[in-house]
Amino acid sequence: MRYTITGRNVDVTPGLRSAIEEKIGKLDRYFNPDTEVIVTLSVQKGKQKIEVTIPVKGNIIRAEESSSDMYVSIDLVEEIIERQLKKYKRKLIDKKQSAQSFSELFLTEEAAVDEEIQIVKTKRFAIKPMDPEEACVQMELLGHNFYVFLNAETEEVNVVYKRKNGTYGLIEPEF
């Protein structure tokens, strides 16, 4: 794998670089040698954060983790990516999708049966036209992390969500 490691408000020391390449390198068996891994390290308010992005054909495998120690964050993000890869592998096999970025060994390994996606509950609700700010208020009143609503301005279904840092995001469909 090819690594692109950058730091925001933190120097990427040789020790950090080798820890990243060692930990994320454990995932090497899942990918072809020319797969690119983009790693961004940052420090914000005492939190040591790592973001790992691995573009694969048609999708992006991405994980981020933060803790008080960068080396702990590196360990945690590696576990998250490995879990995502196992779920993604099931999808690749089920849908017979193109798997050019993955190694043959990874694709032929036995898939874990217990990690199958199961939808256990379905909700139906009326969508009320409102502006994004009103949707954020409704989301807070309900105590949810996201809220689906009909945008009164665009007349399209949108989603507002609460980000980890306490700010809000808006998802607008693009057809």
N, C-alpha and C. Protein backbone atom coordinates (compact mmCIF):
# COMPACT_ATOMS: atom_id res chain seq x y z
N MET A 1 0.85 -1.16 0.00
CA MET A 1 0.00 0.00 0.00
C MET A 1 0.90 1.24 0.00
N ARG A 2 0.39 2.29 -0.62
CA ARG A 2 1.10 3.57 -0.65
C ARG A 2 0.48 4.51 0.37
N TYR A 3 1.30 5.09 1.23
CA TYR A 3 0.80 5.94 2.30
C TYR A 3 1.04 7.41 2.00
N THR A 4 0.03 8.23 2.26
CA THR A 4 0.16 9.68 2.25
C THR A 4 -0.22 10.12 3.65
N ILE A 5 0.78 10.53 4.43
CA ILE A 5 0.55 10.87 5.83
C ILE A 5 0.81 12.36 6.02
N THR A 6 -0.20 13.08 6.51
CA THR A 6 -0.05 14.51 6.76
C THR A 6 -0.47 14.82 8.19
N GLY A 7 0.04 15.94 8.70
CA GLY A 7 -0.28 16.34 10.05
C GLY A 7 -0.84 17.76 10.08
N ARG A 8 -1.87 17.96 10.88
CA ARG A 8 -2.43 19.29 11.11
C ARG A 8 -2.20 19.61 12.58
N ASN A 9 -1.47 20.66 12.86
CA ASN A 9 -1.11 21.05 14.23
C ASN A 9 -0.29 19.98 14.94
N VAL A 10 0.35 19.10 14.18
CA VAL A 10 1.19 18.06 14.76
C VAL A 10 2.27 17.68 13.74
N ASP A 11 3.48 17.44 14.25
CA ASP A 11 4.56 16.98 13.39
C ASP A 11 4.45 15.48 13.23
N VAL A 12 4.61 15.00 12.00
CA VAL A 12 4.58 13.57 11.74
C VAL A 12 6.01 13.07 11.96
N THR A 13 6.26 12.56 13.16
CA THR A 13 7.60 12.08 13.52
C THR A 13 7.85 10.71 12.87
N PRO A 14 9.11 10.32 12.76
CA PRO A 14 9.39 8.98 12.23
C PRO A 14 8.72 7.88 13.07
N GLY A 15 8.61 8.10 14.39
CA GLY A 15 7.94 7.12 15.25
C GLY A 15 6.46 6.98 14.92
N LEU A 16 5.80 8.12 14.71
CA LEU A 16 4.38 8.08 14.32
C LEU A 16 4.22 7.43 12.96
N ARG A 17 5.07 7.82 12.02
CA ARG A 17 5.00 7.25 10.67
C ARG A 17 5.16 5.73 10.71
N SER A 18 6.13 5.24 11.47
CA SER A 18 6.35 3.78 11.53
C SER A 18 5.20 3.09 12.25
N ALA A 19 4.62 3.74 13.29
CA ALA A 19 3.47 3.14 13.99
C ALA A 19 2.28 3.02 13.05
N ILE A 20 2.05 4.06 12.24
CA ILE A 20 0.93 4.04 11.28
C ILE A 20 1.17 2.94 10.25
N GLU A 21 2.37 2.91 9.68
CA GLU A 21 2.65 1.92 8.64
C GLU A 21 2.60 0.50 9.20
N GLU A 22 2.98 0.34 10.47
CA GLU A 22 2.93 -0.99 11.08
C GLU A 22 1.49 -1.42 11.34
N LYS A 23 0.69 -0.52 11.95
CA LYS A 23 -0.70 -0.87 12.29
C LYS A 23 -1.57 -0.99 11.05
N ILE A 24 -1.57 0.04 10.22
CA ILE A 24 -2.39 0.01 9.01
C ILE A 24 -1.83 -1.02 8.04
N GLY A 25 -0.54 -1.28 8.14
CA GLY A 25 0.10 -2.31 7.31
C GLY A 25 -0.46 -3.70 7.55
N LYS A 26 -1.08 -3.91 8.71
CA LYS A 26 -1.72 -5.21 8.98
C LYS A 26 -2.86 -5.46 8.01
N LEU A 27 -3.40 -4.37 7.45
CA LEU A 27 -4.50 -4.49 6.49
C LEU A 27 -3.98 -4.73 5.07
N ASP A 28 -2.66 -4.75 4.92
CA ASP A 28 -2.01 -4.91 3.63
C ASP A 28 -2.51 -6.14 2.87
N ARG A 29 -2.80 -7.20 3.61
CA ARG A 29 -3.24 -8.45 2.96
C ARG A 29 -4.58 -8.31 2.27
N TYR A 30 -5.36 -7.26 2.62
CA TYR A 30 -6.67 -7.06 2.04
C TYR A 30 -6.61 -6.32 0.70
N PHE A 31 -5.52 -5.64 0.43
CA PHE A 31 -5.46 -4.75 -0.73
C PHE A 31 -4.36 -5.13 -1.70
N ASN A 32 -4.50 -4.62 -2.93
CA ASN A 32 -3.43 -4.73 -3.91
C ASN A 32 -2.31 -3.77 -3.49
N PRO A 33 -1.08 -4.02 -3.94
CA PRO A 33 0.06 -3.19 -3.52
C PRO A 33 -0.06 -1.72 -3.93
N ASP A 34 -0.80 -1.40 -4.99
CA ASP A 34 -0.88 -0.01 -5.46
C ASP A 34 -2.04 0.77 -4.83
N THR A 35 -2.71 0.21 -3.81
CA THR A 35 -3.81 0.90 -3.15
C THR A 35 -3.26 2.05 -2.31
N GLU A 36 -3.90 3.22 -2.44
CA GLU A 36 -3.46 4.40 -1.71
C GLU A 36 -4.18 4.51 -0.37
N VAL A 37 -3.44 4.87 0.67
CA VAL A 37 -3.99 5.08 2.00
C VAL A 37 -3.66 6.52 2.40
N ILE A 38 -4.69 7.31 2.67
CA ILE A 38 -4.50 8.72 3.04
C ILE A 38 -4.75 8.84 4.54
N VAL A 39 -3.72 9.27 5.27
CA VAL A 39 -3.80 9.38 6.72
C VAL A 39 -3.58 10.84 7.11
N THR A 40 -4.49 11.37 7.92
CA THR A 40 -4.35 12.73 8.43
C THR A 40 -4.37 12.70 9.95
N LEU A 41 -3.33 13.25 10.54
CA LEU A 41 -3.22 13.34 11.99
C LEU A 41 -3.50 14.77 12.40
N SER A 42 -4.21 14.96 13.52
CA SER A 42 -4.45 16.32 13.99
C SER A 42 -4.60 16.33 15.50
N VAL A 43 -4.37 17.51 16.06
CA VAL A 43 -4.54 17.71 17.49
C VAL A 43 -5.51 18.87 17.66
N GLN A 44 -6.60 18.64 18.39
CA GLN A 44 -7.60 19.67 18.64
C GLN A 44 -8.04 19.58 20.09
N LYS A 45 -7.80 20.64 20.84
CA LYS A 45 -8.22 20.72 22.25
C LYS A 45 -7.75 19.51 23.04
N GLY A 46 -6.50 19.12 22.85
CA GLY A 46 -5.94 18.00 23.60
C GLY A 46 -6.31 16.63 23.08
N LYS A 47 -7.17 16.57 22.07
CA LYS A 47 -7.55 15.28 21.49
C LYS A 47 -6.62 14.97 20.32
N GLN A 48 -6.10 13.76 20.31
CA GLN A 48 -5.22 13.29 19.24
C GLN A 48 -6.10 12.51 18.25
N LYS A 49 -6.25 13.05 17.05
CA LYS A 49 -7.20 12.49 16.09
C LYS A 49 -6.47 11.95 14.86
N ILE A 50 -6.92 10.81 14.38
CA ILE A 50 -6.41 10.23 13.14
C ILE A 50 -7.58 9.94 12.22
N GLU A 51 -7.43 10.30 10.96
CA GLU A 51 -8.42 10.00 9.94
C GLU A 51 -7.74 9.17 8.86
N VAL A 52 -8.33 8.06 8.49
CA VAL A 52 -7.78 7.19 7.45
C VAL A 52 -8.81 7.04 6.35
N THR A 53 -8.39 7.31 5.11
CA THR A 53 -9.26 7.18 3.96
C THR A 53 -8.59 6.27 2.94
N ILE A 54 -9.33 5.27 2.48
CA ILE A 54 -8.81 4.34 1.48
C ILE A 54 -9.81 4.30 0.33
N PRO A 55 -9.49 5.00 -0.78
CA PRO A 55 -10.40 4.95 -1.93
C PRO A 55 -10.28 3.59 -2.64
N VAL A 56 -11.42 2.94 -2.82
CA VAL A 56 -11.47 1.70 -3.59
C VAL A 56 -12.50 1.90 -4.68
N LYS A 57 -12.45 1.12 -5.71
CA LYS A 57 -13.30 1.33 -6.87
C LYS A 57 -14.77 1.53 -6.48
N GLY A 58 -15.24 2.76 -6.72
CA GLY A 58 -16.65 3.07 -6.49
C GLY A 58 -17.01 3.41 -5.05
N ASN A 59 -16.11 3.23 -4.11
CA ASN A 59 -16.42 3.48 -2.71
C ASN A 59 -15.21 4.07 -1.99
N ILE A 60 -15.45 4.50 -0.77
CA ILE A 60 -14.38 4.99 0.07
C ILE A 60 -14.51 4.31 1.42
N ILE A 61 -13.43 3.74 1.89
CA ILE A 61 -13.39 3.18 3.22
C ILE A 61 -12.74 4.24 4.09
N ARG A 62 -13.47 4.69 5.12
CA ARG A 62 -12.98 5.81 5.91
C ARG A 62 -13.30 5.57 7.39
N ALA A 63 -12.33 5.94 8.22
CA ALA A 63 -12.55 5.86 9.66
C ALA A 63 -11.78 6.97 10.34
N GLU A 64 -12.30 7.43 11.45
CA GLU A 64 -11.58 8.42 12.24
C GLU A 64 -11.76 8.06 13.70
N GLU A 65 -10.74 8.37 14.46
CA GLU A 65 -10.78 8.06 15.89
C GLU A 65 -9.96 9.10 16.62
N SER A 66 -10.38 9.44 17.83
CA SER A 66 -9.60 10.38 18.62
C SER A 66 -9.55 9.91 20.07
N SER A 67 -8.43 10.21 20.72
CA SER A 67 -8.23 9.88 22.12
C SER A 67 -7.18 10.83 22.67
N SER A 68 -6.76 10.62 23.88
CA SER A 68 -5.76 11.50 24.48
C SER A 68 -4.34 11.13 24.03
N ASP A 69 -4.18 9.98 23.36
CA ASP A 69 -2.87 9.51 22.90
C ASP A 69 -2.96 9.09 21.43
N MET A 70 -2.08 9.63 20.61
CA MET A 70 -2.13 9.35 19.16
C MET A 70 -1.92 7.87 18.87
N TYR A 71 -1.08 7.20 19.63
CA TYR A 71 -0.82 5.77 19.38
C TYR A 71 -2.06 4.93 19.68
N VAL A 72 -2.83 5.33 20.70
CA VAL A 72 -4.10 4.64 21.00
C VAL A 72 -5.09 4.88 19.86
N SER A 73 -5.13 6.11 19.36
CA SER A 73 -6.02 6.44 18.24
C SER A 73 -5.68 5.59 17.02
N ILE A 74 -4.38 5.40 16.77
CA ILE A 74 -3.95 4.58 15.62
C ILE A 74 -4.44 3.15 15.79
N ASP A 75 -4.31 2.59 16.99
CA ASP A 75 -4.79 1.22 17.25
C ASP A 75 -6.29 1.11 17.02
N LEU A 76 -7.04 2.09 17.53
CA LEU A 76 -8.49 2.05 17.43
C LEU A 76 -8.97 2.17 15.98
N VAL A 77 -8.34 3.05 15.21
CA VAL A 77 -8.78 3.27 13.82
C VAL A 77 -8.50 2.02 12.97
N GLU A 78 -7.42 1.31 13.27
CA GLU A 78 -7.11 0.08 12.53
C GLU A 78 -8.20 -0.96 12.74
N GLU A 79 -8.69 -1.08 13.99
CA GLU A 79 -9.76 -2.04 14.29
C GLU A 79 -11.05 -1.67 13.56
N ILE A 80 -11.36 -0.39 13.50
CA ILE A 80 -12.57 0.07 12.82
C ILE A 80 -12.51 -0.27 11.34
N ILE A 81 -11.38 0.02 10.70
CA ILE A 81 -11.24 -0.26 9.27
C ILE A 81 -11.34 -1.75 9.00
N GLU A 82 -10.73 -2.56 9.85
CA GLU A 82 -10.80 -4.00 9.64
C GLU A 82 -12.25 -4.49 9.72
N ARG A 83 -13.03 -3.96 10.68
CA ARG A 83 -14.45 -4.32 10.77
C ARG A 83 -15.20 -3.89 9.52
N GLN A 84 -14.93 -2.68 9.03
CA GLN A 84 -15.59 -2.19 7.83
C GLN A 84 -15.25 -3.07 6.63
N LEU A 85 -14.00 -3.49 6.54
CA LEU A 85 -13.59 -4.34 5.42
C LEU A 85 -14.33 -5.67 5.42
N LYS A 86 -14.54 -6.24 6.59
CA LYS A 86 -15.25 -7.52 6.66
C LYS A 86 -16.70 -7.37 6.21
N LYS A 87 -17.33 -6.25 6.59
CA LYS A 87 -18.70 -5.99 6.14
C LYS A 87 -18.72 -5.74 4.63
N TYR A 88 -17.76 -4.99 4.15
CA TYR A 88 -17.69 -4.65 2.73
C TYR A 88 -17.43 -5.90 1.89
N LYS A 89 -16.63 -6.80 2.42
CA LYS A 89 -16.34 -8.05 1.71
C LYS A 89 -17.62 -8.85 1.50
N ARG A 90 -18.47 -8.91 2.51
CA ARG A 90 -19.74 -9.61 2.41
C ARG A 90 -20.56 -8.99 1.27
N LYS A 91 -20.57 -7.66 1.20
CA LYS A 91 -21.31 -6.95 0.16
C LYS A 91 -20.74 -7.27 -1.22
N LEU A 92 -19.41 -7.30 -1.34
CA LEU A 92 -18.77 -7.61 -2.61
C LEU A 92 -19.15 -9.00 -3.10
N ILE A 93 -19.15 -9.95 -2.17
CA ILE A 93 -19.45 -11.33 -2.55
C ILE A 93 -20.93 -11.47 -2.89
N ASP A 94 -21.80 -10.86 -2.07
CA ASP A 94 -23.24 -10.95 -2.30
C ASP A 94 -23.65 -10.31 -3.62
N LYS A 95 -23.11 -9.16 -3.93
CA LYS A 95 -23.52 -8.41 -5.11
C LYS A 95 -22.66 -8.70 -6.33
N LYS A 96 -21.62 -9.51 -6.17
CA LYS A 96 -20.69 -9.83 -7.25
C LYS A 96 -20.14 -8.56 -7.90
N GLN A 97 -19.81 -7.59 -7.04
CA GLN A 97 -19.30 -6.32 -7.52
C GLN A 97 -17.84 -6.45 -7.92
N SER A 98 -17.37 -5.48 -8.67
CA SER A 98 -15.97 -5.43 -9.06
C SER A 98 -15.11 -5.23 -7.82
N ALA A 99 -14.04 -5.97 -7.72
CA ALA A 99 -13.20 -5.90 -6.53
C ALA A 99 -11.74 -5.71 -6.90
N GLN A 100 -11.45 -4.81 -7.82
CA GLN A 100 -10.10 -4.63 -8.32
C GLN A 100 -9.11 -4.19 -7.26
N SER A 101 -9.53 -3.43 -6.26
CA SER A 101 -8.60 -2.91 -5.27
C SER A 101 -8.23 -3.93 -4.21
N PHE A 102 -8.94 -5.05 -4.16
CA PHE A 102 -8.70 -6.02 -3.11
C PHE A 102 -7.88 -7.19 -3.60
N SER A 103 -7.10 -7.75 -2.67
CA SER A 103 -6.25 -8.89 -3.02
C SER A 103 -7.11 -10.14 -3.18
N GLU A 104 -6.61 -11.09 -3.93
CA GLU A 104 -7.32 -12.34 -4.17
C GLU A 104 -7.48 -13.12 -2.87
N LEU A 105 -6.46 -13.06 -2.00
CA LEU A 105 -6.50 -13.74 -0.71
C LEU A 105 -7.67 -13.25 0.14
N PHE A 106 -7.86 -11.95 0.17
CA PHE A 106 -8.96 -11.36 0.95
C PHE A 106 -10.30 -11.83 0.43
N LEU A 107 -10.47 -11.86 -0.88
CA LEU A 107 -11.75 -12.22 -1.46
C LEU A 107 -12.07 -13.70 -1.31
N THR A 108 -11.05 -14.53 -1.20
CA THR A 108 -11.30 -15.97 -1.09
C THR A 108 -11.36 -16.46 0.35
N GLU A 109 -11.01 -15.59 1.33
CA GLU A 109 -11.13 -15.98 2.74
C GLU A 109 -12.58 -16.28 3.06
N GLU A 110 -12.81 -17.13 4.05
CA GLU A 110 -14.16 -17.43 4.50
C GLU A 110 -14.81 -16.18 5.06
N ALA A 111 -16.00 -15.88 4.65
CA ALA A 111 -16.72 -14.70 5.14
C ALA A 111 -17.41 -15.03 6.45
N ALA A 112 -17.42 -14.07 7.34
CA ALA A 112 -18.11 -14.25 8.63
C ALA A 112 -19.62 -14.15 8.41
N VAL A 113 -20.33 -15.19 8.80
CA VAL A 113 -21.77 -15.24 8.57
C VAL A 113 -22.52 -14.32 9.52
N ASP A 114 -22.00 -14.13 10.73
CA ASP A 114 -22.72 -13.37 11.73
C ASP A 114 -22.71 -11.86 11.47
N GLU A 115 -21.97 -11.38 10.50
CA GLU A 115 -21.90 -9.95 10.24
C GLU A 115 -22.84 -9.52 9.12
N GLU A 116 -23.86 -10.31 8.87
CA GLU A 116 -24.83 -9.98 7.84
C GLU A 116 -25.69 -8.82 8.30
N ILE A 117 -26.01 -7.91 7.41
CA ILE A 117 -26.83 -6.76 7.76
C ILE A 117 -28.29 -7.18 7.84
N GLN A 118 -28.92 -6.85 8.97
CA GLN A 118 -30.32 -7.18 9.16
C GLN A 118 -31.07 -5.92 9.58
N ILE A 119 -32.13 -5.61 8.90
CA ILE A 119 -32.98 -4.49 9.27
C ILE A 119 -34.03 -5.07 10.21
N VAL A 120 -34.03 -4.59 11.45
CA VAL A 120 -34.92 -5.16 12.46
C VAL A 120 -36.13 -4.28 12.76
N LYS A 121 -36.12 -3.03 12.28
CA LYS A 121 -37.24 -2.14 12.56
C LYS A 121 -37.42 -1.18 11.39
N THR A 122 -38.66 -0.90 11.05
CA THR A 122 -38.98 0.06 10.01
C THR A 122 -39.93 1.09 10.59
N LYS A 123 -39.65 2.36 10.32
CA LYS A 123 -40.51 3.43 10.81
C LYS A 123 -41.11 4.17 9.63
N ARG A 124 -42.35 4.60 9.80
CA ARG A 124 -43.01 5.44 8.81
C ARG A 124 -43.47 6.70 9.52
N PHE A 125 -43.31 7.83 8.87
CA PHE A 125 -43.72 9.08 9.49
C PHE A 125 -44.03 10.10 8.41
N ALA A 126 -44.87 11.07 8.77
CA ALA A 126 -45.23 12.15 7.85
C ALA A 126 -44.09 13.15 7.82
N ILE A 127 -43.77 13.64 6.64
CA ILE A 127 -42.70 14.61 6.49
C ILE A 127 -43.32 15.99 6.33
N LYS A 128 -42.99 16.87 7.26
CA LYS A 128 -43.55 18.22 7.29
C LYS A 128 -42.58 19.19 6.59
N PRO A 129 -43.08 20.05 5.70
CA PRO A 129 -42.18 21.04 5.08
C PRO A 129 -41.68 22.04 6.14
N MET A 130 -40.37 22.28 6.15
CA MET A 130 -39.77 23.23 7.09
C MET A 130 -38.40 23.64 6.57
N ASP A 131 -37.82 24.65 7.19
CA ASP A 131 -36.47 25.06 6.79
C ASP A 131 -35.46 24.29 7.65
N PRO A 132 -34.19 24.23 7.22
CA PRO A 132 -33.19 23.43 7.93
C PRO A 132 -33.01 23.82 9.41
N GLU A 133 -33.14 25.11 9.71
CA GLU A 133 -32.98 25.54 11.10
C GLU A 133 -34.08 24.96 11.98
N GLU A 134 -35.32 24.97 11.47
CA GLU A 134 -36.44 24.40 12.21
C GLU A 134 -36.25 22.90 12.39
N ALA A 135 -35.69 22.24 11.37
CA ALA A 135 -35.42 20.80 11.46
C ALA A 135 -34.40 20.51 12.55
N CYS A 136 -33.39 21.38 12.69
CA CYS A 136 -32.39 21.21 13.76
C CYS A 136 -33.05 21.32 15.13
N VAL A 137 -33.96 22.27 15.27
CA VAL A 137 -34.67 22.44 16.54
C VAL A 137 -35.50 21.19 16.84
N GLN A 138 -36.21 20.68 15.84
CA GLN A 138 -37.02 19.47 16.01
C GLN A 138 -36.14 18.28 16.42
N MET A 139 -34.98 18.16 15.76
CA MET A 139 -34.05 17.07 16.07
C MET A 139 -33.62 17.15 17.53
N GLU A 140 -33.28 18.36 17.99
CA GLU A 140 -32.87 18.54 19.38
C GLU A 140 -34.00 18.22 20.34
N LEU A 141 -35.22 18.64 20.00
CA LEU A 141 -36.37 18.37 20.87
C LEU A 141 -36.62 16.87 21.00
N LEU A 142 -36.39 16.13 19.91
CA LEU A 142 -36.58 14.68 19.94
C LEU A 142 -35.40 13.93 20.56
N GLY A 143 -34.24 14.62 20.64
CA GLY A 143 -33.05 13.97 21.20
C GLY A 143 -32.40 13.00 20.24
N HIS A 144 -32.59 13.23 18.94
CA HIS A 144 -32.00 12.35 17.93
C HIS A 144 -30.69 12.93 17.40
N ASN A 145 -29.93 12.11 16.66
CA ASN A 145 -28.68 12.56 16.04
C ASN A 145 -28.91 13.06 14.62
N PHE A 146 -30.07 12.73 14.04
CA PHE A 146 -30.39 13.19 12.69
C PHE A 146 -31.90 13.38 12.59
N TYR A 147 -32.32 14.10 11.55
CA TYR A 147 -33.74 14.37 11.37
C TYR A 147 -34.02 14.49 9.87
N VAL A 148 -35.01 13.74 9.38
CA VAL A 148 -35.40 13.76 7.98
C VAL A 148 -36.58 14.71 7.83
N PHE A 149 -36.51 15.60 6.85
CA PHE A 149 -37.58 16.58 6.67
C PHE A 149 -37.70 16.98 5.20
N LEU A 150 -38.82 17.62 4.85
CA LEU A 150 -39.03 18.15 3.51
C LEU A 150 -38.61 19.61 3.54
N ASN A 151 -37.59 19.95 2.78
CA ASN A 151 -37.08 21.31 2.76
C ASN A 151 -38.11 22.20 2.06
N ALA A 152 -38.64 23.19 2.78
CA ALA A 152 -39.68 24.06 2.25
C ALA A 152 -39.17 24.91 1.09
N GLU A 153 -37.88 25.20 1.07
CA GLU A 153 -37.31 26.04 0.01
C GLU A 153 -37.11 25.26 -1.29
N THR A 154 -36.60 24.03 -1.17
CA THR A 154 -36.27 23.25 -2.37
C THR A 154 -37.30 22.18 -2.70
N GLU A 155 -38.21 21.90 -1.76
CA GLU A 155 -39.22 20.85 -1.90
C GLU A 155 -38.59 19.47 -2.13
N GLU A 156 -37.44 19.25 -1.52
CA GLU A 156 -36.76 17.95 -1.58
C GLU A 156 -36.57 17.41 -0.17
N VAL A 157 -36.46 16.09 -0.05
CA VAL A 157 -36.20 15.48 1.24
C VAL A 157 -34.74 15.72 1.59
N ASN A 158 -34.50 16.26 2.79
CA ASN A 158 -33.16 16.54 3.29
C ASN A 158 -32.99 15.88 4.65
N VAL A 159 -31.75 15.82 5.10
CA VAL A 159 -31.44 15.29 6.43
C VAL A 159 -30.51 16.27 7.12
N VAL A 160 -30.83 16.63 8.35
CA VAL A 160 -29.89 17.38 9.19
C VAL A 160 -29.34 16.39 10.20
N TYR A 161 -28.10 16.59 10.60
CA TYR A 161 -27.48 15.69 11.56
C TYR A 161 -26.56 16.47 12.48
N LYS A 162 -26.35 15.92 13.65
CA LYS A 162 -25.48 16.54 14.64
C LYS A 162 -24.09 15.93 14.50
N ARG A 163 -23.09 16.79 14.35
CA ARG A 163 -21.71 16.34 14.20
C ARG A 163 -21.08 16.15 15.58
N LYS A 164 -19.95 15.44 15.60
CA LYS A 164 -19.27 15.14 16.86
C LYS A 164 -18.87 16.41 17.62
N ASN A 165 -18.56 17.47 16.88
CA ASN A 165 -18.10 18.69 17.54
C ASN A 165 -19.26 19.60 17.97
N GLY A 166 -20.51 19.13 17.85
CA GLY A 166 -21.66 19.91 18.29
C GLY A 166 -22.28 20.79 17.22
N THR A 167 -21.67 20.86 16.04
CA THR A 167 -22.25 21.64 14.95
C THR A 167 -23.24 20.76 14.20
N TYR A 168 -23.90 21.35 13.20
CA TYR A 168 -24.90 20.61 12.44
C TYR A 168 -24.47 20.48 10.99
N GLY A 169 -24.95 19.42 10.35
CA GLY A 169 -24.72 19.20 8.93
C GLY A 169 -26.04 19.03 8.21
N LEU A 170 -26.05 19.31 6.92
CA LEU A 170 -27.25 19.16 6.10
C LEU A 170 -26.90 18.30 4.90
N ILE A 171 -27.72 17.30 4.64
CA ILE A 171 -27.54 16.43 3.48
C ILE A 171 -28.66 16.73 2.51
N GLU A 172 -28.27 17.15 1.29
CA GLU A 172 -29.24 17.42 0.23
C GLU A 172 -29.01 16.40 -0.88
N PRO A 173 -30.06 15.81 -1.40
CA PRO A 173 -29.88 14.81 -2.47
C PRO A 173 -29.41 15.46 -3.75
N GLU A 174 -28.69 14.69 -4.53
CA GLU A 174 -28.23 15.17 -5.85
C GLU A 174 -28.54 14.06 -6.84
N PHE A 175 -29.44 14.33 -7.73
CA PHE A 175 -29.86 13.30 -8.69
C PHE A 175 -29.29 13.59 -10.06
